[in-house]
Amino acid sequence: MKKVFTIEKEDFENAGIVSSQIKKTLKLLGLETVILRRVSIACYEAEINMIIHSNGGKITFELDEDEGRVILSFDDRGPGIENLEQAMQPGWSTASSQARKLGFGAGMGLVNMKRVADEFDIHSSKEGTHLRMVFQ
């Protein structure tokens, strides 16, 4: 199973919809609660980061039933993460004042994603950021 979703820049009204749809799909398929929770946390955090920090992009959700894996890929259209090492530090954030007023931008998104994923791979440049997470 594979689904691709489009994310728009600063679309705060729809923030969390994709992660909710993915959670609902996995729940209907009977995925274990522990994995469901981890996937939901990571997907929500990445979706919010794309809305806040990027110029939009795509989320790809794949379920590999043969291998028992959920794969989430996030590809955005820039501007990229200037200092990835710093961005991986708890509490570090470059969120706008608008995002902060809405309760986002605590600087824990990437930290939480890495903590809950079995595999976490991120690459960033001025053209955009690619993030891939795998859950067993």
N, C-alpha and C. Protein backbone atom coordinates (compact mmCIF):
# COMPACT_ATOMS: atom_id res chain seq x y z
N MET A 1 0.84 -1.17 0.00
CA MET A 1 0.00 0.00 0.00
C MET A 1 0.89 1.24 0.00
N LYS A 2 0.52 2.20 -0.82
CA LYS A 2 1.28 3.45 -0.90
C LYS A 2 0.32 4.60 -1.16
N LYS A 3 0.50 5.68 -0.40
CA LYS A 3 -0.30 6.89 -0.58
C LYS A 3 0.62 8.10 -0.53
N VAL A 4 0.33 9.09 -1.36
CA VAL A 4 1.11 10.32 -1.39
C VAL A 4 0.17 11.49 -1.08
N PHE A 5 0.61 12.37 -0.20
CA PHE A 5 -0.17 13.52 0.23
C PHE A 5 0.61 14.80 -0.06
N THR A 6 -0.09 15.87 -0.39
CA THR A 6 0.54 17.17 -0.64
C THR A 6 0.36 18.06 0.58
N ILE A 7 1.44 18.75 0.94
CA ILE A 7 1.44 19.69 2.07
C ILE A 7 1.72 21.08 1.52
N GLU A 8 0.94 22.05 1.97
CA GLU A 8 1.13 23.44 1.55
C GLU A 8 1.79 24.26 2.65
N LYS A 9 2.60 25.20 2.24
CA LYS A 9 3.28 26.10 3.18
C LYS A 9 2.26 26.85 4.04
N GLU A 10 2.53 26.88 5.34
CA GLU A 10 1.75 27.63 6.33
C GLU A 10 0.25 27.32 6.30
N ASP A 11 -0.10 26.09 5.95
CA ASP A 11 -1.51 25.66 5.94
C ASP A 11 -1.89 25.16 7.33
N PHE A 12 -1.90 26.07 8.29
CA PHE A 12 -2.15 25.72 9.69
C PHE A 12 -3.55 25.16 9.90
N GLU A 13 -4.51 25.58 9.08
CA GLU A 13 -5.89 25.09 9.22
C GLU A 13 -5.98 23.58 9.01
N ASN A 14 -5.13 23.04 8.16
CA ASN A 14 -5.16 21.60 7.86
C ASN A 14 -4.03 20.83 8.53
N ALA A 15 -3.33 21.47 9.45
CA ALA A 15 -2.21 20.82 10.13
C ALA A 15 -2.69 19.59 10.90
N GLY A 16 -2.07 18.47 10.62
CA GLY A 16 -2.40 17.24 11.31
C GLY A 16 -3.36 16.33 10.58
N ILE A 17 -3.94 16.79 9.49
CA ILE A 17 -4.92 15.98 8.75
C ILE A 17 -4.27 14.75 8.14
N VAL A 18 -3.10 14.91 7.53
CA VAL A 18 -2.44 13.76 6.90
C VAL A 18 -2.07 12.72 7.95
N SER A 19 -1.47 13.16 9.05
CA SER A 19 -1.09 12.19 10.09
C SER A 19 -2.32 11.50 10.67
N SER A 20 -3.44 12.20 10.77
CA SER A 20 -4.68 11.58 11.25
C SER A 20 -5.20 10.53 10.26
N GLN A 21 -5.11 10.83 8.96
CA GLN A 21 -5.55 9.86 7.94
C GLN A 21 -4.68 8.61 7.96
N ILE A 22 -3.38 8.79 8.11
CA ILE A 22 -2.47 7.65 8.17
C ILE A 22 -2.75 6.82 9.43
N LYS A 23 -2.96 7.48 10.55
CA LYS A 23 -3.28 6.78 11.79
C LYS A 23 -4.56 5.97 11.64
N LYS A 24 -5.58 6.58 11.05
CA LYS A 24 -6.86 5.90 10.86
C LYS A 24 -6.70 4.67 9.97
N THR A 25 -5.92 4.79 8.90
CA THR A 25 -5.66 3.67 7.99
C THR A 25 -4.98 2.52 8.74
N LEU A 26 -3.95 2.84 9.49
CA LEU A 26 -3.21 1.80 10.21
C LEU A 26 -4.06 1.16 11.31
N LYS A 27 -4.90 1.96 11.94
CA LYS A 27 -5.78 1.42 12.98
C LYS A 27 -6.78 0.43 12.37
N LEU A 28 -7.34 0.79 11.21
CA LEU A 28 -8.28 -0.11 10.52
C LEU A 28 -7.62 -1.42 10.11
N LEU A 29 -6.32 -1.35 9.82
CA LEU A 29 -5.58 -2.55 9.43
C LEU A 29 -5.13 -3.39 10.64
N GLY A 30 -5.39 -2.88 11.84
CA GLY A 30 -5.09 -3.64 13.04
C GLY A 30 -3.64 -3.58 13.50
N LEU A 31 -2.94 -2.51 13.15
CA LEU A 31 -1.55 -2.37 13.57
C LEU A 31 -1.47 -2.30 15.09
N GLU A 32 -0.40 -2.84 15.65
CA GLU A 32 -0.21 -2.83 17.10
C GLU A 32 -0.23 -1.39 17.63
N THR A 33 -0.83 -1.22 18.80
CA THR A 33 -0.99 0.10 19.39
C THR A 33 0.33 0.82 19.60
N VAL A 34 1.36 0.10 20.02
CA VAL A 34 2.67 0.72 20.29
C VAL A 34 3.24 1.32 19.00
N ILE A 35 3.17 0.58 17.91
CA ILE A 35 3.71 1.08 16.64
C ILE A 35 2.82 2.19 16.10
N LEU A 36 1.53 2.04 16.24
CA LEU A 36 0.58 3.05 15.80
C LEU A 36 0.88 4.40 16.47
N ARG A 37 1.15 4.36 17.76
CA ARG A 37 1.46 5.59 18.50
C ARG A 37 2.77 6.21 17.99
N ARG A 38 3.79 5.39 17.79
CA ARG A 38 5.08 5.90 17.32
C ARG A 38 4.97 6.52 15.93
N VAL A 39 4.27 5.84 15.03
CA VAL A 39 4.08 6.36 13.67
C VAL A 39 3.31 7.67 13.72
N SER A 40 2.27 7.72 14.54
CA SER A 40 1.45 8.93 14.65
C SER A 40 2.25 10.12 15.14
N ILE A 41 3.07 9.91 16.16
CA ILE A 41 3.90 10.99 16.70
C ILE A 41 4.86 11.51 15.63
N ALA A 42 5.58 10.61 15.00
CA ALA A 42 6.58 11.01 14.00
C ALA A 42 5.94 11.70 12.81
N CYS A 43 4.84 11.16 12.34
CA CYS A 43 4.18 11.74 11.16
C CYS A 43 3.65 13.14 11.48
N TYR A 44 3.03 13.29 12.63
CA TYR A 44 2.50 14.60 13.01
C TYR A 44 3.63 15.63 13.12
N GLU A 45 4.70 15.27 13.80
CA GLU A 45 5.83 16.19 13.97
C GLU A 45 6.41 16.62 12.61
N ALA A 46 6.59 15.66 11.71
CA ALA A 46 7.16 15.98 10.39
C ALA A 46 6.19 16.81 9.56
N GLU A 47 4.92 16.47 9.62
CA GLU A 47 3.91 17.24 8.88
C GLU A 47 3.89 18.70 9.35
N ILE A 48 3.91 18.91 10.66
CA ILE A 48 3.92 20.27 11.21
C ILE A 48 5.19 21.00 10.80
N ASN A 49 6.33 20.32 10.85
CA ASN A 49 7.58 20.96 10.43
C ASN A 49 7.51 21.41 8.97
N MET A 50 6.91 20.58 8.12
CA MET A 50 6.79 20.96 6.71
C MET A 50 5.91 22.21 6.56
N ILE A 51 4.83 22.27 7.30
CA ILE A 51 3.92 23.41 7.22
C ILE A 51 4.60 24.68 7.72
N ILE A 52 5.33 24.56 8.81
CA ILE A 52 5.97 25.72 9.43
C ILE A 52 7.20 26.20 8.65
N HIS A 53 8.07 25.27 8.27
CA HIS A 53 9.40 25.65 7.81
C HIS A 53 9.65 25.56 6.30
N SER A 54 8.84 24.82 5.57
CA SER A 54 9.15 24.61 4.15
C SER A 54 8.24 25.42 3.23
N ASN A 55 8.47 25.27 1.96
CA ASN A 55 7.62 25.87 0.94
C ASN A 55 6.61 24.86 0.42
N GLY A 56 6.31 23.86 1.23
CA GLY A 56 5.38 22.79 0.85
C GLY A 56 6.13 21.58 0.36
N GLY A 57 5.39 20.50 0.14
CA GLY A 57 6.03 19.29 -0.33
C GLY A 57 5.10 18.10 -0.32
N LYS A 58 5.69 16.92 -0.25
CA LYS A 58 4.95 15.66 -0.33
C LYS A 58 5.29 14.76 0.86
N ILE A 59 4.26 14.06 1.33
CA ILE A 59 4.43 13.00 2.32
C ILE A 59 4.05 11.70 1.63
N THR A 60 4.94 10.73 1.70
CA THR A 60 4.66 9.40 1.13
C THR A 60 4.57 8.41 2.27
N PHE A 61 3.45 7.70 2.31
CA PHE A 61 3.17 6.68 3.31
C PHE A 61 3.16 5.33 2.62
N GLU A 62 3.98 4.41 3.11
CA GLU A 62 4.03 3.06 2.53
C GLU A 62 3.88 2.04 3.65
N LEU A 63 3.10 1.02 3.37
CA LEU A 63 2.96 -0.10 4.28
C LEU A 63 3.46 -1.34 3.55
N ASP A 64 4.56 -1.89 4.05
CA ASP A 64 5.14 -3.11 3.49
C ASP A 64 4.71 -4.26 4.39
N GLU A 65 3.57 -4.85 4.05
CA GLU A 65 3.00 -5.91 4.89
C GLU A 65 3.88 -7.15 4.91
N ASP A 66 4.58 -7.44 3.82
CA ASP A 66 5.46 -8.61 3.78
C ASP A 66 6.60 -8.49 4.80
N GLU A 67 7.16 -7.30 4.91
CA GLU A 67 8.27 -7.05 5.84
C GLU A 67 7.80 -6.55 7.20
N GLY A 68 6.51 -6.22 7.30
CA GLY A 68 5.98 -5.70 8.57
C GLY A 68 6.52 -4.33 8.91
N ARG A 69 6.61 -3.46 7.88
CA ARG A 69 7.20 -2.13 8.09
C ARG A 69 6.27 -1.03 7.61
N VAL A 70 6.32 0.08 8.30
CA VAL A 70 5.69 1.32 7.85
C VAL A 70 6.83 2.25 7.48
N ILE A 71 6.74 2.85 6.29
CA ILE A 71 7.78 3.77 5.82
C ILE A 71 7.13 5.12 5.55
N LEU A 72 7.67 6.16 6.15
CA LEU A 72 7.21 7.52 5.93
C LEU A 72 8.35 8.32 5.30
N SER A 73 8.04 8.99 4.19
CA SER A 73 9.03 9.86 3.54
C SER A 73 8.44 11.25 3.40
N PHE A 74 9.26 12.24 3.67
CA PHE A 74 8.85 13.65 3.61
C PHE A 74 9.83 14.37 2.71
N ASP A 75 9.32 14.97 1.66
CA ASP A 75 10.16 15.69 0.70
C ASP A 75 9.60 17.09 0.52
N ASP A 76 10.35 18.10 0.95
CA ASP A 76 9.84 19.46 0.80
C ASP A 76 10.68 20.26 -0.20
N ARG A 77 10.16 21.44 -0.53
CA ARG A 77 10.76 22.30 -1.54
C ARG A 77 11.56 23.45 -0.93
N GLY A 78 12.28 23.20 0.12
CA GLY A 78 13.15 24.23 0.65
C GLY A 78 12.46 25.08 1.70
N PRO A 79 13.19 25.93 2.33
CA PRO A 79 14.54 26.39 2.06
C PRO A 79 15.65 25.51 2.63
N GLY A 80 15.29 24.39 3.24
CA GLY A 80 16.30 23.52 3.83
C GLY A 80 16.60 23.91 5.27
N ILE A 81 17.33 23.05 5.93
CA ILE A 81 17.73 23.29 7.32
C ILE A 81 19.17 23.75 7.30
N GLU A 82 19.39 24.97 7.73
CA GLU A 82 20.72 25.58 7.63
C GLU A 82 21.78 24.81 8.41
N ASN A 83 21.45 24.43 9.64
CA ASN A 83 22.41 23.72 10.48
C ASN A 83 21.70 22.49 11.06
N LEU A 84 21.83 21.37 10.40
CA LEU A 84 21.12 20.16 10.79
C LEU A 84 21.54 19.67 12.18
N GLU A 85 22.81 19.77 12.49
CA GLU A 85 23.29 19.34 13.81
C GLU A 85 22.62 20.16 14.92
N GLN A 86 22.53 21.44 14.71
CA GLN A 86 21.90 22.31 15.70
C GLN A 86 20.40 22.04 15.77
N ALA A 87 19.78 21.80 14.62
CA ALA A 87 18.34 21.54 14.57
C ALA A 87 17.95 20.26 15.30
N MET A 88 18.91 19.35 15.47
CA MET A 88 18.66 18.09 16.18
C MET A 88 18.80 18.24 17.69
N GLN A 89 19.12 19.42 18.16
CA GLN A 89 19.26 19.66 19.60
C GLN A 89 17.89 20.00 20.21
N PRO A 90 17.54 19.38 21.34
CA PRO A 90 16.26 19.68 21.99
C PRO A 90 16.10 21.17 22.29
N GLY A 91 14.96 21.71 21.90
CA GLY A 91 14.65 23.11 22.18
C GLY A 91 15.06 24.10 21.11
N TRP A 92 15.86 23.66 20.15
CA TRP A 92 16.30 24.58 19.08
C TRP A 92 15.16 24.74 18.08
N SER A 93 14.81 25.98 17.76
CA SER A 93 13.71 26.22 16.82
C SER A 93 13.94 27.50 16.04
N THR A 94 13.52 27.48 14.80
CA THR A 94 13.52 28.67 13.96
C THR A 94 12.09 29.01 13.56
N ALA A 95 11.11 28.52 14.32
CA ALA A 95 9.70 28.75 14.00
C ALA A 95 9.36 30.24 14.04
N SER A 96 8.47 30.63 13.17
CA SER A 96 8.03 32.03 13.09
C SER A 96 7.18 32.39 14.31
N SER A 97 6.98 33.66 14.53
CA SER A 97 6.14 34.09 15.64
C SER A 97 4.70 33.62 15.42
N GLN A 98 4.25 33.55 14.17
CA GLN A 98 2.91 33.05 13.87
C GLN A 98 2.76 31.60 14.33
N ALA A 99 3.76 30.77 14.02
CA ALA A 99 3.72 29.36 14.42
C ALA A 99 3.74 29.24 15.94
N ARG A 100 4.55 30.05 16.58
CA ARG A 100 4.65 30.00 18.04
C ARG A 100 3.34 30.43 18.71
N LYS A 101 2.68 31.42 18.13
CA LYS A 101 1.38 31.85 18.67
C LYS A 101 0.35 30.74 18.60
N LEU A 102 0.50 29.86 17.64
CA LEU A 102 -0.42 28.74 17.48
C LEU A 102 -0.02 27.53 18.31
N GLY A 103 1.08 27.66 19.06
CA GLY A 103 1.51 26.59 19.95
C GLY A 103 2.53 25.64 19.36
N PHE A 104 3.08 25.98 18.19
CA PHE A 104 4.10 25.15 17.55
C PHE A 104 5.47 25.77 17.78
N GLY A 105 6.52 25.05 17.39
CA GLY A 105 7.86 25.62 17.41
C GLY A 105 8.62 25.46 18.70
N ALA A 106 8.35 24.39 19.44
CA ALA A 106 9.06 24.16 20.71
C ALA A 106 10.46 23.57 20.50
N GLY A 107 10.79 23.20 19.26
CA GLY A 107 12.12 22.67 18.99
C GLY A 107 12.30 21.21 19.37
N MET A 108 11.21 20.45 19.42
CA MET A 108 11.30 19.04 19.80
C MET A 108 10.89 18.10 18.66
N GLY A 109 10.49 18.65 17.52
CA GLY A 109 10.01 17.83 16.42
C GLY A 109 11.00 16.79 15.94
N LEU A 110 12.16 17.21 15.49
CA LEU A 110 13.16 16.26 14.99
C LEU A 110 13.64 15.31 16.08
N VAL A 111 13.77 15.82 17.29
CA VAL A 111 14.20 15.00 18.42
C VAL A 111 13.18 13.88 18.66
N ASN A 112 11.90 14.24 18.68
CA ASN A 112 10.85 13.24 18.90
C ASN A 112 10.78 12.23 17.76
N MET A 113 10.93 12.70 16.53
CA MET A 113 10.88 11.78 15.38
C MET A 113 12.00 10.74 15.48
N LYS A 114 13.20 11.20 15.74
CA LYS A 114 14.33 10.29 15.83
C LYS A 114 14.15 9.29 16.97
N ARG A 115 13.59 9.75 18.07
CA ARG A 115 13.39 8.91 19.25
C ARG A 115 12.41 7.77 18.98
N VAL A 116 11.34 8.01 18.21
CA VAL A 116 10.31 6.99 18.03
C VAL A 116 10.50 6.11 16.80
N ALA A 117 11.33 6.52 15.86
CA ALA A 117 11.54 5.74 14.62
C ALA A 117 12.61 4.67 14.82
N ASP A 118 12.43 3.54 14.13
CA ASP A 118 13.47 2.51 14.13
C ASP A 118 14.62 2.90 13.21
N GLU A 119 14.29 3.58 12.14
CA GLU A 119 15.31 4.14 11.23
C GLU A 119 14.94 5.59 10.97
N PHE A 120 15.94 6.45 10.98
CA PHE A 120 15.75 7.89 10.81
C PHE A 120 16.86 8.40 9.92
N ASP A 121 16.51 8.93 8.75
CA ASP A 121 17.52 9.42 7.81
C ASP A 121 17.05 10.77 7.29
N ILE A 122 17.89 11.79 7.44
CA ILE A 122 17.52 13.13 7.02
C ILE A 122 18.67 13.77 6.25
N HIS A 123 18.33 14.44 5.16
CA HIS A 123 19.28 15.19 4.34
C HIS A 123 18.64 16.52 3.99
N SER A 124 19.42 17.58 4.01
CA SER A 124 18.86 18.88 3.73
C SER A 124 19.83 19.75 2.95
N SER A 125 19.27 20.54 2.04
CA SER A 125 20.03 21.53 1.28
C SER A 125 19.09 22.71 1.03
N LYS A 126 19.56 23.72 0.36
CA LYS A 126 18.73 24.89 0.07
C LYS A 126 17.53 24.54 -0.82
N GLU A 127 17.64 23.44 -1.54
CA GLU A 127 16.54 23.01 -2.42
C GLU A 127 15.43 22.33 -1.64
N GLY A 128 15.75 21.79 -0.46
CA GLY A 128 14.73 21.13 0.34
C GLY A 128 15.30 20.10 1.28
N THR A 129 14.40 19.49 2.00
CA THR A 129 14.78 18.48 2.99
C THR A 129 14.10 17.16 2.65
N HIS A 130 14.85 16.08 2.78
CA HIS A 130 14.30 14.72 2.61
C HIS A 130 14.47 14.00 3.94
N LEU A 131 13.36 13.49 4.44
CA LEU A 131 13.35 12.74 5.69
C LEU A 131 12.67 11.40 5.43
N ARG A 132 13.30 10.34 5.89
CA ARG A 132 12.73 8.99 5.76
C ARG A 132 12.80 8.30 7.11
N MET A 133 11.64 7.77 7.53
CA MET A 133 11.58 7.04 8.79
C MET A 133 10.94 5.68 8.54
N VAL A 134 11.47 4.66 9.22
CA VAL A 134 10.94 3.31 9.10
C VAL A 134 10.56 2.85 10.51
N PHE A 135 9.43 2.14 10.56
CA PHE A 135 8.92 1.60 11.81
C PHE A 135 8.69 0.11 11.60
N GLN A 136 9.23 -0.73 12.47
CA GLN A 136 9.10 -2.18 12.36
C GLN A 136 7.92 -2.67 13.17
